[in-house]
Amino acid sequence: TATFRADGKNLDAEVRLEQKDGFGAAKASVAAAWGAALLPVPDPRHPLGVDVQAKHFRAAVLLPFMRGSIDELDGLIDASMQATVDPQTKGIHVQGAASLEDGVFQLASFGGELHDIKGKVTLTPDGLLTLDQLTAFGISGELLASASARLDGLRMIAANATVQIPNSEPLPLSVGGSQIGMLDGKLAVSEALS
């Protein structure tokens, strides 16, 4: 469902998608005067607020927007995220957390399906984005990942990430549907952007 409300002082919009066992919702609010104008006019002196909430929201809803690059996507998303956009400074501040459980991801051109994906992303008001221990399993094998990044609004200033596939649990490596080997090891990346 989608609702819009304008009371002469504020313009509010909400989109909510109900699913069998969960929901996803996004709300936006901005100061907006109507006066003699045909439509409400946002007040450039006041920030735009956005609030995103999800509880057991099926990630499969996002798949049509990613067709061509991802073959399969699903899982349960829980999220509570807030964003503020200041039209005067053009600054964007985001905070909150989102988690995925029972995730499924497949990129057929690279390899098989990853399943039982679990992880949590947290974003603090000072711009620290953290991916806590992400875990995923293949038909055989396991992938572990963690990452952090420092953001200025939506611009990344610095980031580091570690991805590990234990040698005791290698993942099959496939190209075009044919297995060409097994993959294990550790990759650590760190970058400071200016």
C-alpha atoms as a PDB file:
ATOM      1  CA  THR A   1       0.000   0.000   0.000  1.00  0.00           C
ATOM      2  CA  ALA A   2       1.071   3.579  -0.607  1.00  0.00           C
ATOM      3  CA  THR A   3      -0.198   6.608   1.283  1.00  0.00           C
ATOM      4  CA  PHE A   4       0.489  10.313   0.865  1.00  0.00           C
ATOM      5  CA  ARG A   5      -0.533  13.071   3.246  1.00  0.00           C
ATOM      6  CA  ALA A   6      -0.102  16.836   3.057  1.00  0.00           C
ATOM      7  CA  ASP A   7      -1.461  19.031   5.846  1.00  0.00           C
ATOM      8  CA  GLY A   8      -0.106  22.406   4.763  1.00  0.00           C
ATOM      9  CA  LYS A   9       2.988  22.023   6.964  1.00  0.00           C
ATOM     10  CA  ASN A  10       4.385  18.594   6.124  1.00  0.00           C
ATOM     11  CA  LEU A  11       4.350  16.171   3.222  1.00  0.00           C
ATOM     12  CA  ASP A  12       4.452  12.523   4.279  1.00  0.00           C
ATOM     13  CA  ALA A  13       4.648   9.443   2.077  1.00  0.00           C
ATOM     14  CA  GLU A  14       4.670   5.777   3.047  1.00  0.00           C
ATOM     15  CA  VAL A  15       5.038   2.593   1.037  1.00  0.00           C
ATOM     16  CA  ARG A  16       4.374  -0.693   2.831  1.00  0.00           C
ATOM     17  CA  LEU A  17       4.597  -4.189   1.400  1.00  0.00           C
ATOM     18  CA  GLU A  18       2.942  -6.897   3.487  1.00  0.00           C
ATOM     19  CA  GLN A  19       4.066 -10.479   3.018  1.00  0.00           C
ATOM     20  CA  LYS A  20       2.771 -13.717   4.531  1.00  0.00           C
ATOM     21  CA  ASP A  21       5.170 -13.671   7.501  1.00  0.00           C
ATOM     22  CA  GLY A  22       6.710 -10.205   7.296  1.00  0.00           C
ATOM     23  CA  PHE A  23       6.715  -6.709   5.870  1.00  0.00           C
ATOM     24  CA  GLY A  24       8.876  -3.954   4.454  1.00  0.00           C
ATOM     25  CA  ALA A  25       8.041  -0.274   4.852  1.00  0.00           C
ATOM     26  CA  ALA A  26       9.576   3.048   3.886  1.00  0.00           C
ATOM     27  CA  LYS A  27       8.377   6.436   5.142  1.00  0.00           C
ATOM     28  CA  ALA A  28       9.523   9.871   4.035  1.00  0.00           C
ATOM     29  CA  SER A  29       8.651  13.206   5.603  1.00  0.00           C
ATOM     30  CA  VAL A  30       9.564  16.750   4.666  1.00  0.00           C
ATOM     31  CA  ALA A  31       8.345  20.182   5.707  1.00  0.00           C
ATOM     32  CA  ALA A  32       6.248  21.448   2.813  1.00  0.00           C
ATOM     33  CA  ALA A  33       3.954  24.444   2.487  1.00  0.00           C
ATOM     34  CA  TRP A  34       1.001  24.319   0.165  1.00  0.00           C
ATOM     35  CA  GLY A  35      -0.373  27.837   0.186  1.00  0.00           C
ATOM     36  CA  ALA A  36      -1.645  28.937  -3.237  1.00  0.00           C
ATOM     37  CA  ALA A  37       0.596  26.470  -5.126  1.00  0.00           C
ATOM     38  CA  LEU A  38      -0.948  23.670  -7.159  1.00  0.00           C
ATOM     39  CA  LEU A  39       1.130  21.095  -5.206  1.00  0.00           C
ATOM     40  CA  PRO A  40       2.968  21.209  -1.853  1.00  0.00           C
ATOM     41  CA  VAL A  41       6.432  22.782  -2.118  1.00  0.00           C
ATOM     42  CA  PRO A  42       9.223  21.294   0.080  1.00  0.00           C
ATOM     43  CA  ASP A  43      10.804  23.835   2.423  1.00  0.00           C
ATOM     44  CA  PRO A  44      14.564  23.970   1.608  1.00  0.00           C
ATOM     45  CA  ARG A  45      15.333  25.089   5.178  1.00  0.00           C
ATOM     46  CA  HIS A  46      14.224  21.755   6.661  1.00  0.00           C
ATOM     47  CA  PRO A  47      15.675  18.243   6.204  1.00  0.00           C
ATOM     48  CA  LEU A  48      14.016  15.309   4.531  1.00  0.00           C
ATOM     49  CA  GLY A  49      13.635  12.307   6.833  1.00  0.00           C
ATOM     50  CA  VAL A  50      13.440   8.716   5.614  1.00  0.00           C
ATOM     51  CA  ASP A  51      12.715   5.666   7.776  1.00  0.00           C
ATOM     52  CA  VAL A  52      12.977   2.077   6.503  1.00  0.00           C
ATOM     53  CA  GLN A  53      11.689  -0.850   8.559  1.00  0.00           C
ATOM     54  CA  ALA A  54      11.529  -4.549   7.729  1.00  0.00           C
ATOM     55  CA  LYS A  55      10.640  -7.668   9.659  1.00  0.00           C
ATOM     56  CA  HIS A  56      11.142 -11.077   8.028  1.00  0.00           C
ATOM     57  CA  PHE A  57      10.954  -9.339   4.639  1.00  0.00           C
ATOM     58  CA  ARG A  58      11.663 -11.783   1.785  1.00  0.00           C
ATOM     59  CA  ALA A  59      14.707 -10.627  -0.207  1.00  0.00           C
ATOM     60  CA  ALA A  60      13.305 -12.382  -3.301  1.00  0.00           C
ATOM     61  CA  VAL A  61      11.211  -9.245  -3.894  1.00  0.00           C
ATOM     62  CA  LEU A  62      14.458  -7.491  -4.920  1.00  0.00           C
ATOM     63  CA  LEU A  63      15.422 -10.073  -7.578  1.00  0.00           C
ATOM     64  CA  PRO A  64      13.549  -8.495 -10.526  1.00  0.00           C
ATOM     65  CA  PHE A  65      15.627  -5.325 -10.021  1.00  0.00           C
ATOM     66  CA  MET A  66      18.841  -7.378 -10.300  1.00  0.00           C
ATOM     67  CA  ARG A  67      17.998  -9.686 -13.217  1.00  0.00           C
ATOM     68  CA  GLY A  68      20.897 -10.284 -15.542  1.00  0.00           C
ATOM     69  CA  SER A  69      23.490 -10.097 -12.772  1.00  0.00           C
ATOM     70  CA  ILE A  70      22.054 -12.414 -10.084  1.00  0.00           C
ATOM     71  CA  ASP A  71      20.267 -15.691 -10.811  1.00  0.00           C
ATOM     72  CA  GLU A  72      18.780 -16.374  -7.382  1.00  0.00           C
ATOM     73  CA  LEU A  73      18.267 -14.255  -4.274  1.00  0.00           C
ATOM     74  CA  ASP A  74      16.231 -14.859  -1.145  1.00  0.00           C
ATOM     75  CA  GLY A  75      16.387 -14.720   2.629  1.00  0.00           C
ATOM     76  CA  LEU A  76      14.725 -12.922   5.519  1.00  0.00           C
ATOM     77  CA  ILE A  77      15.640  -9.278   6.092  1.00  0.00           C
ATOM     78  CA  ASP A  78      15.137  -7.437   9.375  1.00  0.00           C
ATOM     79  CA  ALA A  79      16.004  -3.748   9.224  1.00  0.00           C
ATOM     80  CA  SER A  80      15.642  -0.462  11.016  1.00  0.00           C
ATOM     81  CA  MET A  81      17.378   2.354   9.110  1.00  0.00           C
ATOM     82  CA  GLN A  82      16.968   6.112   9.245  1.00  0.00           C
ATOM     83  CA  ALA A  83      18.313   8.764   6.874  1.00  0.00           C
ATOM     84  CA  THR A  84      18.284  12.537   6.969  1.00  0.00           C
ATOM     85  CA  VAL A  85      19.013  14.690   3.925  1.00  0.00           C
ATOM     86  CA  ASP A  86      19.846  18.345   4.627  1.00  0.00           C
ATOM     87  CA  PRO A  87      19.005  20.392   1.517  1.00  0.00           C
ATOM     88  CA  GLN A  88      21.102  23.353   2.687  1.00  0.00           C
ATOM     89  CA  THR A  89      24.374  21.461   3.211  1.00  0.00           C
ATOM     90  CA  LYS A  90      23.470  18.596   0.844  1.00  0.00           C
ATOM     91  CA  GLY A  91      24.613  16.332   3.696  1.00  0.00           C
ATOM     92  CA  ILE A  92      23.224  12.831   4.110  1.00  0.00           C
ATOM     93  CA  HIS A  93      23.283  11.048   7.461  1.00  0.00           C
ATOM     94  CA  VAL A  94      22.293   7.388   7.692  1.00  0.00           C
ATOM     95  CA  GLN A  95      22.122   5.134  10.726  1.00  0.00           C
ATOM     96  CA  GLY A  96      20.621   1.822  11.705  1.00  0.00           C
ATOM     97  CA  ALA A  97      21.029  -1.886  11.159  1.00  0.00           C
ATOM     98  CA  ALA A  98      19.931  -4.595   8.748  1.00  0.00           C
ATOM     99  CA  SER A  99      20.357  -8.342   9.030  1.00  0.00           C
ATOM    100  CA  LEU A 100      19.859 -11.286   6.698  1.00  0.00           C
ATOM    101  CA  GLU A 101      19.065 -14.847   7.759  1.00  0.00           C
ATOM    102  CA  ASP A 102      18.430 -18.006   5.725  1.00  0.00           C
ATOM    103  CA  GLY A 103      19.845 -16.205   2.693  1.00  0.00           C
ATOM    104  CA  VAL A 104      20.272 -17.766  -0.746  1.00  0.00           C
ATOM    105  CA  PHE A 105      22.423 -16.306  -3.532  1.00  0.00           C
ATOM    106  CA  GLN A 106      23.378 -17.729  -6.906  1.00  0.00           C
ATOM    107  CA  LEU A 107      25.484 -16.316  -9.683  1.00  0.00           C
ATOM    108  CA  ALA A 108      25.449 -19.163 -12.212  1.00  0.00           C
ATOM    109  CA  SER A 109      28.230 -17.714 -14.362  1.00  0.00           C
ATOM    110  CA  PHE A 110      30.631 -17.993 -11.400  1.00  0.00           C
ATOM    111  CA  GLY A 111      29.603 -21.016  -9.425  1.00  0.00           C
ATOM    112  CA  GLY A 112      26.896 -22.751  -7.485  1.00  0.00           C
ATOM    113  CA  GLU A 113      24.425 -21.543  -4.967  1.00  0.00           C
ATOM    114  CA  LEU A 114      25.377 -20.124  -1.590  1.00  0.00           C
ATOM    115  CA  HIS A 115      22.794 -20.860   1.103  1.00  0.00           C
ATOM    116  CA  ASP A 116      22.215 -20.384   4.830  1.00  0.00           C
ATOM    117  CA  ILE A 117      23.667 -16.887   4.424  1.00  0.00           C
ATOM    118  CA  LYS A 118      23.636 -14.914   7.649  1.00  0.00           C
ATOM    119  CA  GLY A 119      25.056 -11.492   8.438  1.00  0.00           C
ATOM    120  CA  LYS A 120      24.377  -8.065   9.885  1.00  0.00           C
ATOM    121  CA  VAL A 121      25.213  -4.565   8.659  1.00  0.00           C
ATOM    122  CA  THR A 122      25.317  -1.675  11.140  1.00  0.00           C
ATOM    123  CA  LEU A 123      25.725   2.012  10.315  1.00  0.00           C
ATOM    124  CA  THR A 124      26.422   4.480  13.119  1.00  0.00           C
ATOM    125  CA  PRO A 125      25.590   8.205  13.065  1.00  0.00           C
ATOM    126  CA  ASP A 126      29.304   9.064  12.739  1.00  0.00           C
ATOM    127  CA  GLY A 127      29.534   7.134   9.444  1.00  0.00           C
ATOM    128  CA  LEU A 128      31.018   3.781  10.494  1.00  0.00           C
ATOM    129  CA  LEU A 129      29.547   0.935   8.427  1.00  0.00           C
ATOM    130  CA  THR A 130      30.250  -2.566   9.736  1.00  0.00           C
ATOM    131  CA  LEU A 131      29.476  -5.963   8.231  1.00  0.00           C
ATOM    132  CA  ASP A 132      29.568  -8.391  11.131  1.00  0.00           C
ATOM    133  CA  GLN A 133      30.593 -11.977  10.550  1.00  0.00           C
ATOM    134  CA  LEU A 134      28.884 -12.950   7.297  1.00  0.00           C
ATOM    135  CA  THR A 135      28.639 -16.711   6.809  1.00  0.00           C
ATOM    136  CA  ALA A 136      27.511 -18.650   3.741  1.00  0.00           C
ATOM    137  CA  PHE A 137      27.649 -22.284   2.690  1.00  0.00           C
ATOM    138  CA  GLY A 138      27.908 -23.879  -0.741  1.00  0.00           C
ATOM    139  CA  ILE A 139      26.941 -27.379  -1.811  1.00  0.00           C
ATOM    140  CA  SER A 140      30.225 -28.098  -0.106  1.00  0.00           C
ATOM    141  CA  GLY A 141      32.381 -25.493   1.534  1.00  0.00           C
ATOM    142  CA  GLU A 142      31.981 -22.360   3.598  1.00  0.00           C
ATOM    143  CA  LEU A 143      32.608 -18.638   3.145  1.00  0.00           C
ATOM    144  CA  LEU A 144      33.262 -16.190   6.000  1.00  0.00           C
ATOM    145  CA  ALA A 145      33.474 -12.424   5.539  1.00  0.00           C
ATOM    146  CA  SER A 146      33.625  -9.215   7.554  1.00  0.00           C
ATOM    147  CA  ALA A 147      34.112  -5.607   6.520  1.00  0.00           C
ATOM    148  CA  SER A 148      34.032  -2.039   7.735  1.00  0.00           C
ATOM    149  CA  ALA A 149      33.985   1.308   6.016  1.00  0.00           C
ATOM    150  CA  ARG A 150      34.109   4.949   7.031  1.00  0.00           C
ATOM    151  CA  LEU A 151      31.538   7.071   5.198  1.00  0.00           C
ATOM    152  CA  ASP A 152      31.057  10.800   4.770  1.00  0.00           C
ATOM    153  CA  GLY A 153      27.366  10.890   3.879  1.00  0.00           C
ATOM    154  CA  LEU A 154      27.234   8.288   1.107  1.00  0.00           C
ATOM    155  CA  ARG A 155      30.859   8.800   0.031  1.00  0.00           C
ATOM    156  CA  MET A 156      33.305   6.121   1.163  1.00  0.00           C
ATOM    157  CA  ILE A 157      36.480   7.462   2.791  1.00  0.00           C
ATOM    158  CA  ALA A 158      38.131   4.195   3.824  1.00  0.00           C
ATOM    159  CA  ALA A 159      37.271   0.510   3.827  1.00  0.00           C
ATOM    160  CA  ASN A 160      38.660  -2.877   4.727  1.00  0.00           C
ATOM    161  CA  ALA A 161      37.287  -6.338   4.156  1.00  0.00           C
ATOM    162  CA  THR A 162      38.314  -9.908   4.783  1.00  0.00           C
ATOM    163  CA  VAL A 163      36.908 -12.936   2.952  1.00  0.00           C
ATOM    164  CA  GLN A 164      37.968 -16.407   3.992  1.00  0.00           C
ATOM    165  CA  ILE A 165      37.212 -19.845   2.580  1.00  0.00           C
ATOM    166  CA  PRO A 166      38.827 -22.355   4.950  1.00  0.00           C
ATOM    167  CA  ASN A 167      41.071 -25.014   3.295  1.00  0.00           C
ATOM    168  CA  SER A 168      39.116 -27.599   5.296  1.00  0.00           C
ATOM    169  CA  GLU A 169      35.872 -26.345   3.642  1.00  0.00           C
ATOM    170  CA  PRO A 170      36.726 -25.234   0.047  1.00  0.00           C
ATOM    171  CA  LEU A 171      34.008 -24.033  -2.311  1.00  0.00           C
ATOM    172  CA  PRO A 172      33.562 -25.499  -5.796  1.00  0.00           C
ATOM    173  CA  LEU A 173      34.598 -23.060  -8.532  1.00  0.00           C
ATOM    174  CA  SER A 174      32.442 -23.267 -11.658  1.00  0.00           C
ATOM    175  CA  VAL A 175      32.444 -21.340 -14.905  1.00  0.00           C
ATOM    176  CA  GLY A 176      29.468 -21.571 -17.246  1.00  0.00           C
ATOM    177  CA  GLY A 177      28.039 -24.457 -15.232  1.00  0.00           C
ATOM    178  CA  SER A 178      31.202 -26.633 -15.348  1.00  0.00           C
ATOM    179  CA  GLN A 179      33.252 -27.148 -12.221  1.00  0.00           C
ATOM    180  CA  ILE A 180      36.893 -26.256 -12.848  1.00  0.00           C
ATOM    181  CA  GLY A 181      38.283 -26.647  -9.342  1.00  0.00           C
ATOM    182  CA  MET A 182      37.971 -25.905  -5.666  1.00  0.00           C
ATOM    183  CA  LEU A 183      38.552 -22.516  -4.072  1.00  0.00           C
ATOM    184  CA  ASP A 184      39.979 -21.756  -0.628  1.00  0.00           C
ATOM    185  CA  GLY A 185      42.122 -19.075   0.956  1.00  0.00           C
ATOM    186  CA  LYS A 186      41.945 -15.672   2.557  1.00  0.00           C
ATOM    187  CA  LEU A 187      41.633 -12.280   0.905  1.00  0.00           C
ATOM    188  CA  ALA A 188      42.151  -9.090   2.894  1.00  0.00           C
ATOM    189  CA  VAL A 189      41.617  -5.693   1.270  1.00  0.00           C
ATOM    190  CA  SER A 190      42.179  -2.269   2.792  1.00  0.00           C
ATOM    191  CA  GLU A 191      41.716   1.036   0.983  1.00  0.00           C
ATOM    192  CA  ALA A 192      41.809   4.695   1.918  1.00  0.00           C
ATOM    193  CA  LEU A 193      40.086   6.926  -0.618  1.00  0.00           C
ATOM    194  CA  SER A 194      40.615  10.625  -0.960  1.00  0.00           C
END
